[in-house]
Protein backbone atom coordinates (compact mmCIF):
# COMPACT_ATOMS: atom_id res chain seq x y z
CA MET A 1 83.65 -107.47 41.35
CA ASN A 2 85.90 -109.38 43.75
CA GLY A 3 83.65 -111.60 45.40
CA LYS A 4 83.51 -114.70 47.38
CA SER A 5 82.48 -118.09 45.84
CA PHE A 6 80.42 -120.74 47.66
CA CYS A 7 79.59 -123.33 44.60
CA GLN A 8 79.54 -126.77 45.62
CA ASP A 9 77.22 -130.08 44.56
CA HIS A 10 73.63 -130.01 45.46
CA ARG A 11 73.51 -133.27 46.73
CA ALA A 12 76.05 -132.83 49.22
CA GLU A 13 75.56 -129.21 50.54
CA SER A 14 73.51 -129.20 53.74
CA ALA A 15 75.81 -125.80 55.49
CA THR A 16 76.79 -122.37 54.49
CA TRP A 17 79.85 -120.97 55.37
CA LEU A 18 79.79 -117.32 56.60
CA ASN A 19 82.80 -115.72 58.50
CA GLY A 20 84.71 -118.83 58.80
CA VAL A 21 81.77 -120.62 60.56
CA LYS A 22 79.88 -123.42 59.22
CA GLU A 23 76.14 -122.97 59.94
CA TYR A 24 73.32 -125.32 59.02
CA PHE A 25 70.15 -124.55 58.26
CA LEU A 26 67.73 -127.56 58.27
CA ASN A 27 64.53 -125.74 58.98
CA PHE A 28 62.88 -122.19 58.35
CA GLU A 29 62.90 -121.43 62.18
CA GLN A 30 66.79 -121.53 61.92
CA PHE A 31 66.74 -118.34 59.78
CA SER A 32 65.85 -116.34 63.13
CA LEU A 33 63.19 -114.33 60.53
CA ASP A 34 60.20 -112.34 61.82
CA PRO A 35 57.34 -114.35 63.61
CA HIS A 36 54.66 -112.98 61.36
CA ILE A 37 56.96 -114.40 58.26
CA THR A 38 57.88 -117.73 60.05
CA ALA A 39 54.12 -118.26 60.49
CA ALA A 40 53.37 -117.25 56.74
CA VAL A 41 56.09 -119.85 55.78
CA LYS A 42 54.21 -122.70 57.54
CA ALA A 43 51.36 -121.91 56.35
CA VAL A 44 51.95 -122.22 52.70
CA GLY A 45 53.46 -125.23 53.54
CA TYR A 46 56.97 -124.71 53.22
CA THR A 47 58.92 -127.19 55.77
CA THR A 48 62.63 -127.69 54.48
CA PRO A 49 64.75 -125.03 52.74
CA THR A 50 65.97 -125.97 49.27
CA PRO A 51 69.65 -125.63 48.59
CA ILE A 52 69.43 -122.26 47.41
CA GLN A 53 67.56 -121.17 50.12
CA ARG A 54 69.97 -122.49 52.55
CA GLN A 55 72.85 -120.85 51.31
CA ALA A 56 71.60 -117.70 49.76
CA ILE A 57 69.13 -116.36 52.43
CA PRO A 58 71.75 -116.25 55.38
CA ILE A 59 74.29 -114.17 53.01
CA VAL A 60 71.13 -111.80 52.20
CA LEU A 61 70.07 -111.33 55.75
CA GLN A 62 73.58 -110.15 56.36
CA GLY A 63 73.25 -107.56 53.86
CA HIS A 64 75.61 -108.82 50.87
CA ASP A 65 75.52 -108.50 47.38
CA ILE A 66 74.92 -112.09 46.00
CA ILE A 67 75.01 -113.86 42.47
CA GLY A 68 72.51 -116.70 43.00
CA LEU A 69 72.76 -119.85 40.56
CA ALA A 70 70.50 -122.02 40.50
CA GLN A 71 68.25 -123.79 38.21
CA THR A 72 64.63 -123.35 37.26
CA GLY A 73 62.36 -124.79 40.04
CA THR A 74 64.65 -124.63 42.93
CA GLY A 75 63.15 -122.16 44.96
CA LYS A 76 64.96 -118.78 44.02
CA THR A 77 61.96 -116.82 44.56
CA ALA A 78 61.66 -117.47 48.21
CA ALA A 79 65.59 -117.05 48.63
CA PHE A 80 65.17 -113.18 48.15
CA VAL A 81 61.64 -112.64 49.12
CA LEU A 82 62.08 -113.92 52.35
CA PRO A 83 65.12 -111.58 53.84
CA ILE A 84 63.72 -108.98 51.85
CA LEU A 85 60.67 -109.06 53.97
CA GLN A 86 62.58 -109.46 57.07
CA ARG A 87 64.49 -106.23 56.14
CA LEU A 88 61.40 -104.19 55.33
CA ALA A 89 59.78 -105.35 58.49
CA LYS A 90 61.31 -102.81 60.07
CA GLY A 91 61.59 -98.91 58.53
CA PRO A 92 59.43 -96.46 57.17
CA ALA A 93 56.50 -97.62 55.57
CA ARG A 94 54.81 -97.03 52.24
CA GLN A 95 57.94 -95.94 50.55
CA VAL A 96 59.38 -98.08 47.93
CA ARG A 97 62.23 -99.38 49.60
CA ALA A 98 62.62 -103.00 47.25
CA LEU A 99 62.63 -102.86 43.44
CA ILE A 100 62.79 -106.41 41.74
CA LEU A 101 63.36 -106.46 38.15
CA ALA A 102 61.75 -109.47 36.08
CA PRO A 103 61.51 -110.41 32.19
CA THR A 104 57.90 -111.13 31.64
CA ARG A 105 54.53 -110.29 33.20
CA GLU A 106 53.98 -113.67 34.14
CA LEU A 107 57.23 -114.14 35.92
CA ALA A 108 56.43 -110.84 37.75
CA GLU A 109 53.03 -111.56 38.86
CA GLN A 110 54.49 -114.96 40.32
CA ILE A 111 56.86 -113.04 42.36
CA HIS A 112 54.48 -110.63 43.31
CA ASN A 113 52.20 -113.66 44.50
CA GLU A 114 54.83 -115.12 46.46
CA ILE A 115 55.23 -111.97 48.36
CA ILE A 116 51.57 -112.10 49.17
CA SER A 117 51.89 -115.41 50.31
CA LEU A 118 54.96 -114.97 52.54
CA GLY A 119 54.37 -111.59 53.74
CA ARG A 120 50.20 -111.97 54.39
CA GLN A 121 50.93 -111.76 58.23
CA SER A 122 53.13 -108.89 58.01
CA LEU A 123 52.55 -105.15 56.82
CA VAL A 124 54.58 -104.80 53.64
CA ARG A 125 52.76 -104.24 50.46
CA SER A 126 53.82 -104.97 47.06
CA VAL A 127 52.62 -104.00 43.58
CA SER A 128 53.46 -105.76 40.14
CA ILE A 129 54.10 -103.45 37.17
CA TYR A 130 54.60 -104.73 33.60
CA GLY A 131 52.68 -103.58 30.46
CA GLY A 132 49.76 -105.09 28.46
CA VAL A 133 47.16 -103.69 30.98
CA SER A 134 46.52 -100.22 32.08
CA LYS A 135 48.43 -98.05 34.27
CA TYR A 136 45.38 -96.49 36.37
CA ASN A 137 45.68 -99.50 39.07
CA GLN A 138 49.27 -99.18 39.15
CA VAL A 139 49.51 -96.06 39.70
CA ALA A 140 46.87 -96.07 42.08
CA ALA A 141 48.54 -98.57 44.22
CA LEU A 142 51.74 -96.39 44.10
CA ARG A 143 49.97 -93.29 45.50
CA ARG A 144 48.56 -95.40 48.32
CA GLY A 145 51.99 -96.44 49.22
CA VAL A 146 53.92 -99.66 48.74
CA GLU A 147 57.26 -101.10 50.08
CA ILE A 148 58.10 -103.98 47.00
CA VAL A 149 57.39 -103.06 43.31
CA VAL A 150 57.87 -106.09 41.17
CA ALA A 151 58.06 -104.78 37.56
CA CYS A 152 59.30 -105.28 34.06
CA PRO A 153 61.86 -102.86 32.70
CA GLY A 154 59.60 -101.05 29.88
CA ARG A 155 56.68 -100.51 32.19
CA LEU A 156 58.64 -99.29 34.92
CA LEU A 157 60.52 -96.85 32.59
CA ASP A 158 57.08 -95.49 31.79
CA HIS A 159 56.08 -94.61 35.21
CA ILE A 160 59.72 -93.25 35.40
CA ASP A 161 59.06 -91.29 32.93
CA ASP A 162 55.71 -89.93 33.94
CA ARG A 163 56.99 -89.40 37.57
CA ASN A 164 54.81 -91.63 38.88
CA ILE A 165 57.36 -93.58 41.24
CA ASP A 166 60.32 -92.75 43.21
CA LEU A 167 63.05 -94.79 43.61
CA SER A 168 65.91 -92.82 45.29
CA ARG A 169 65.07 -94.85 48.39
CA ILE A 170 65.62 -98.03 47.18
CA GLU A 171 67.34 -100.12 49.62
CA VAL A 172 67.33 -103.71 47.75
CA LEU A 173 67.64 -104.15 43.96
CA VAL A 174 66.79 -107.86 42.72
CA LEU A 175 67.35 -108.90 38.95
CA ASP A 176 65.93 -111.99 38.60
CA GLU A 177 66.48 -114.28 35.54
CA ALA A 178 68.73 -111.62 34.59
CA ASP A 179 69.95 -114.11 31.46
CA ARG A 180 66.72 -113.97 29.95
CA MET A 181 66.38 -110.02 30.54
CA CYS A 182 69.35 -109.48 28.51
CA ASP A 183 68.03 -112.02 25.71
CA MET A 184 65.16 -109.91 25.36
CA GLY A 185 67.30 -106.95 24.89
CA PHE A 186 66.47 -105.31 28.32
CA LEU A 187 69.88 -104.49 29.19
CA PRO A 188 69.88 -100.86 28.09
CA ASP A 189 66.78 -100.28 29.95
CA ILE A 190 68.26 -101.76 33.34
CA ARG A 191 71.14 -99.49 32.94
CA ARG A 192 68.46 -96.61 32.48
CA ILE A 193 67.13 -97.97 35.48
CA LEU A 194 69.90 -98.07 37.42
CA ARG A 195 70.58 -94.20 37.17
CA HIS A 196 67.57 -93.56 39.22
CA LEU A 197 68.66 -95.82 42.20
CA PRO A 198 70.91 -94.64 45.06
CA ALA A 199 74.32 -96.09 44.75
CA GLU A 200 74.44 -97.23 48.41
CA ARG A 201 72.10 -100.43 48.06
CA GLN A 202 72.06 -104.25 48.44
CA THR A 203 71.83 -105.70 44.91
CA LEU A 204 71.19 -109.49 44.29
CA PHE A 205 71.44 -111.34 41.21
CA PHE A 206 69.40 -114.79 40.81
CA SER A 207 69.56 -116.63 37.18
CA ALA A 208 69.62 -120.14 35.92
CA THR A 209 72.79 -119.29 33.68
CA MET A 210 75.46 -116.77 34.00
CA PRO A 211 76.77 -115.90 30.52
CA GLY A 212 79.29 -113.42 29.76
CA ASP A 213 77.23 -110.41 28.88
CA ILE A 214 75.59 -111.12 32.76
CA ARG A 215 79.08 -111.47 34.20
CA ALA A 216 79.69 -108.06 32.41
CA LEU A 217 76.66 -106.33 34.02
CA ALA A 218 77.28 -108.14 37.27
CA ASN A 219 80.96 -106.55 37.49
CA SER A 220 79.91 -103.13 36.79
CA ILE A 221 76.80 -102.96 39.50
CA LEU A 222 77.62 -105.35 42.14
CA LYS A 223 80.07 -104.86 45.11
CA ASN A 224 82.20 -107.67 46.84
CA PRO A 225 79.37 -110.21 45.86
CA VAL A 226 79.12 -113.80 47.31
CA SER A 227 78.70 -116.03 44.51
CA VAL A 228 76.00 -119.06 45.52
CA GLN A 229 76.02 -121.97 42.91
CA ILE A 230 73.94 -125.39 43.56
CA GLY A 231 75.39 -127.93 41.29
CA THR A 232 76.28 -127.17 37.73
CA MET A 233 74.18 -125.25 35.31
CA THR A 234 72.81 -128.15 33.43
CA PRO A 235 68.87 -129.19 33.41
CA ILE A 236 67.65 -130.62 36.73
CA GLU A 237 68.68 -134.46 37.46
CA THR A 238 64.75 -135.34 37.96
CA VAL A 239 64.11 -135.02 34.19
CA SER A 240 64.81 -137.56 31.80
CA HIS A 241 65.24 -136.73 27.92
CA ALA A 242 64.69 -138.01 24.62
CA LEU A 243 65.28 -137.29 20.90
CA TYR A 244 62.32 -138.11 18.22
CA PRO A 245 64.11 -137.09 14.48
CA VAL A 246 61.47 -136.13 12.71
CA SER A 247 61.18 -134.15 9.29
CA ASN A 248 59.24 -130.94 9.95
CA GLU A 249 56.06 -131.85 8.26
CA LEU A 250 55.25 -134.80 10.03
CA LYS A 251 55.95 -133.23 13.45
CA PRO A 252 52.06 -132.43 13.90
CA LYS A 253 51.38 -135.75 13.33
CA LEU A 254 54.14 -137.46 15.41
CA LEU A 255 52.64 -135.44 18.13
CA LEU A 256 49.26 -136.49 18.06
CA ALA A 257 50.34 -140.01 17.71
CA MET A 258 52.56 -139.34 20.89
CA LEU A 259 49.81 -138.04 23.05
CA LYS A 260 47.75 -140.78 22.03
CA GLN A 261 50.07 -143.50 23.77
CA THR A 262 51.83 -141.76 26.36
CA PRO A 263 50.34 -141.42 29.91
CA THR A 264 50.69 -138.06 30.80
CA GLY A 265 49.94 -135.21 33.58
CA ARG A 266 50.03 -131.86 32.48
CA VAL A 267 51.94 -131.21 29.15
CA LEU A 268 53.93 -128.00 28.17
CA ILE A 269 54.71 -127.75 24.37
CA PHE A 270 57.19 -125.37 23.29
CA THR A 271 57.47 -123.75 19.39
CA ARG A 272 59.42 -121.16 18.24
CA THR A 273 56.79 -118.59 16.68
CA LYS A 274 53.70 -117.21 18.08
CA HIS A 275 51.88 -118.24 15.09
CA ARG A 276 52.81 -121.75 15.24
CA ALA A 277 51.80 -121.65 19.08
CA HIS A 278 48.42 -120.76 17.80
CA SER A 279 48.22 -122.94 15.15
CA LEU A 280 49.18 -126.11 16.89
CA ALA A 281 46.88 -125.56 19.98
CA ALA A 282 44.16 -124.91 17.19
CA ASN A 283 45.03 -128.25 15.77
CA LEU A 284 44.99 -130.04 19.33
CA GLU A 285 41.86 -128.66 20.11
CA LYS A 286 40.20 -129.31 16.77
CA ASN A 287 41.44 -133.44 18.04
CA GLY A 288 39.61 -133.10 21.00
CA TYR A 289 42.20 -132.19 23.47
CA ARG A 290 41.57 -129.31 26.27
CA VAL A 291 44.60 -126.98 25.05
CA SER A 292 45.78 -123.40 25.30
CA ALA A 293 47.99 -121.13 23.50
CA LEU A 294 50.13 -119.13 25.56
CA GLN A 295 51.95 -116.25 23.27
CA GLY A 296 53.08 -112.83 23.21
CA ASN A 297 50.12 -111.20 20.79
CA MET A 298 47.43 -112.17 23.89
CA THR A 299 46.26 -109.66 26.06
CA GLN A 300 47.47 -109.90 29.34
CA ASN A 301 43.99 -111.33 31.08
CA ARG A 302 43.87 -114.01 28.34
CA ARG A 303 47.54 -114.87 29.42
CA GLN A 304 46.52 -115.17 32.80
CA ALA A 305 43.69 -117.01 32.03
CA ALA A 306 45.09 -119.68 29.92
CA ILE A 307 48.05 -120.19 32.95
CA ASP A 308 45.29 -120.37 35.40
CA GLY A 309 43.48 -122.87 33.42
CA PHE A 310 46.66 -125.01 32.95
CA ARG A 311 47.44 -124.83 36.89
CA ASN A 312 43.82 -125.49 37.68
CA GLY A 313 43.22 -128.17 34.99
CA LYS A 314 40.80 -126.87 32.73
CA TYR A 315 43.34 -127.54 30.34
CA ASP A 316 45.80 -130.54 30.30
CA ILE A 317 48.29 -128.70 27.60
CA LEU A 318 49.64 -125.53 27.10
CA VAL A 319 51.16 -124.63 23.91
CA ALA A 320 53.80 -121.79 24.39
CA THR A 321 56.67 -119.48 23.07
CA ASP A 322 59.92 -119.46 25.14
CA ILE A 323 59.26 -115.74 26.09
CA ALA A 324 55.57 -116.41 26.98
CA ALA A 325 56.50 -119.24 29.08
CA ARG A 326 58.95 -117.22 31.47
CA GLY A 327 57.33 -117.33 35.13
CA ILE A 328 55.13 -120.27 34.32
CA ASP A 329 54.95 -122.17 37.74
CA VAL A 330 52.62 -124.90 37.81
CA SER A 331 54.08 -128.01 39.62
CA GLN A 332 52.19 -130.84 38.08
CA ILE A 333 53.63 -130.68 34.36
CA SER A 334 55.19 -134.24 33.52
CA HIS A 335 56.15 -133.65 29.76
CA VAL A 336 57.93 -130.84 28.12
CA ILE A 337 57.67 -131.29 24.52
CA ASN A 338 59.91 -129.21 22.26
CA PHE A 339 57.84 -129.47 19.14
CA ASP A 340 60.77 -126.78 17.76
CA MET A 341 63.85 -127.26 19.48
CA PRO A 342 65.27 -124.07 21.17
CA ASP A 343 68.53 -121.58 19.81
CA THR A 344 70.58 -122.48 22.60
CA PRO A 345 71.18 -124.79 25.58
CA ASP A 346 70.70 -122.14 28.17
CA ALA A 347 66.75 -121.97 26.51
CA TYR A 348 66.69 -125.69 26.74
CA THR A 349 67.55 -125.63 30.17
CA HIS A 350 64.86 -123.01 30.82
CA ARG A 351 62.06 -125.18 28.96
CA ILE A 352 62.49 -128.38 30.73
CA GLY A 353 63.23 -126.84 34.14
CA ARG A 354 59.59 -126.62 33.67
CA THR A 355 58.96 -130.17 34.50
CA GLY A 356 60.55 -132.58 37.30
CA ARG A 357 60.05 -130.15 39.88
CA ALA A 358 59.84 -130.51 43.75
CA HIS A 359 61.26 -133.91 43.69
CA GLN A 360 58.87 -135.20 40.85
CA THR A 361 59.99 -136.82 37.86
CA GLY A 362 59.48 -135.56 34.60
CA GLN A 363 59.99 -136.08 30.70
CA ALA A 364 61.69 -134.07 28.12
CA PHE A 365 60.99 -135.17 24.53
CA SER A 366 62.52 -132.91 21.56
CA PHE A 367 61.39 -133.18 17.75
CA THR A 368 64.49 -132.86 15.75
CA ALA A 369 65.15 -132.22 12.20
CA GLN A 370 68.47 -132.21 10.50
CA ALA A 371 68.97 -128.47 11.11
CA ASP A 372 69.20 -129.08 15.00
CA GLU A 373 71.92 -131.23 14.76
CA ALA A 374 74.59 -128.47 15.89
CA THR A 375 72.11 -127.28 18.79
CA VAL A 376 71.73 -130.84 19.95
CA ARG A 377 75.42 -131.84 20.09
CA GLU A 378 75.78 -128.42 22.44
CA ILE A 379 73.05 -129.48 24.74
CA GLU A 380 74.53 -132.92 24.84
CA LYS A 381 78.00 -131.18 26.04
CA LEU A 382 75.87 -129.41 28.49
CA LEU A 383 74.42 -132.56 29.68
CA GLY A 384 77.69 -134.65 29.69
CA ALA A 385 75.92 -137.48 28.00
CA ARG A 386 74.11 -138.61 24.47
CA ILE A 387 70.74 -137.84 24.48
CA GLU A 388 68.90 -141.45 23.78
CA ARG A 389 67.38 -141.25 20.12
CA ARG A 390 63.89 -142.70 19.71
CA ARG A 391 61.60 -143.37 17.19
CA LEU A 392 57.54 -143.91 18.19
CA PRO A 393 56.32 -147.59 17.62
CA GLY A 394 53.64 -147.64 15.08
CA PHE A 395 54.02 -144.29 13.51
CA ASP A 396 54.60 -144.02 9.98
CA PHE A 397 57.58 -142.07 9.21
CA GLY A 398 57.25 -142.37 5.31
CA ASN A 399 60.35 -141.62 3.38
CA PHE A 400 62.01 -140.27 6.64
CA ALA A 401 64.15 -143.18 8.49
CA PRO A 402 65.41 -141.68 11.98
CA ALA A 403 68.41 -143.22 13.27
CA SER A 404 67.54 -145.31 16.19
CA ARG A 405 69.91 -148.03 18.09
CA PRO A 406 68.48 -151.32 18.72
CA GLY A 407 66.26 -151.68 21.88
CA GLU A 408 65.09 -148.06 21.69
CA GLY A 409 61.52 -147.83 21.78
CA GLY A 410 58.75 -145.57 22.54
CA ALA A 411 57.78 -142.74 25.04
CA LEU A 412 57.48 -144.93 28.01
CA GLN A 413 60.98 -146.17 27.91
CA ALA A 414 62.03 -143.15 29.34
CA TYR A 415 61.01 -144.27 32.36
CA PRO A 416 62.79 -146.93 34.72
CA PRO A 417 60.53 -150.09 34.62
CA GLN A 418 59.09 -149.71 38.04
CA ALA A 419 57.69 -145.98 36.87
CA GLN A 420 56.72 -147.67 33.96
CA ARG A 421 54.43 -150.26 35.86
CA TYR A 422 53.07 -147.29 38.20
CA ARG A 423 51.80 -145.18 35.54
CA ARG A 424 50.36 -147.76 33.09
CA ARG A 425 48.48 -148.68 36.43
CA PHE A 426 47.42 -145.64 37.55
CA VAL A 427 48.00 -142.86 35.41
CA PRO A 428 45.27 -142.42 32.32
CA SER A 429 46.21 -141.75 28.82
CA MET A 430 45.66 -138.57 27.36
CA ALA A 431 43.41 -139.86 25.01
CA SER A 432 41.27 -141.95 27.75
CA ARG A 433 40.89 -138.46 29.66
CA ARG A 434 39.91 -136.80 26.48
CA HIS A 435 37.38 -139.58 25.61
CA ALA A 436 35.94 -139.15 29.12
CA ALA A 437 35.65 -135.46 29.19
CA ARG A 438 33.40 -135.90 25.72
CA SER A 439 30.81 -138.36 27.48
């Protein structure tokens, strides 16, 4: 893989270097997209391209392979969907010409919905393919004819084996969140799928991180790719971080105390196991909170109902595992709470990328036990700074004595003073919303 690199700080970039010419893209009209696509962009409310969109869209439109590195919540999906829609606006219809691979059902459905929104005024059709639901509707859509397939690798291979899909005319292949697909063990499936694709195609990699195994995969399938990286692969700057050292036994009580005294919007809580996600959600519901769980054992309909309820305000809290939370796209998440610490810094980046989106501020609180110290050090190395250690005022830690520097207080100190004043005045606490819902 002998490619070019366009890596620069996301605060400074507003232009793209292509073929030695510096081009500025300050609005979507400057991409010269099909009028139907531009109209759809306006209809969904997009006005100014994000940094990854400003850099990636022109490169993809020119037909280059690409490695697009940007953090979660920076607009990666539209960065590849818009050029694909532009390409497919002309040429044969009702045959699969673009394949987008995603690690989870939720992310596949999110991408599919973005295609519907941005392509609603064009004639391009899309179908999402994933397990956990009947194949019937998927097969019916394929037989009617679609130009784009958004798929999870396992179910796609089922359709390939059943000869329900023809991938021989694929023009564009996208691997979204390729790092997570490898983490989930999909690499052998991806290689099997690649054998059914034509060698002559455009291949696009989009991911928040790029570990070594993904680099090796990219080297084997990309042709002279352009690398686009927006900033460094650290958690987004609109999120502040705090650690709450606590014993595992006290975590449930600390969570309840934190929710009671902390003004929040929607809260996403991460656990390490499916069982803990279910039991923690049940405990929060028992204490009067509007909460749902999201974990891998749920049917697709129940998973989608949980995400939709969290998005539309039916639930204030969603308790999820890492895999189940892939693809959650809810812009109003004010807090991410790591009830259990993630195993890697990359997983931490993915988790907290669910808050602080669209230039809003977000908070990332992590409950840490003694066994998490090595992971904390790796995360701090990634951040380039020591994360503040806190203890919740008034909480009884019993015999457990978490370290705390003078001046380190409770949850609200994560905000600058002016933000604290605003939130105290205008943002109701989770407890007040809970009691209001009961009355």
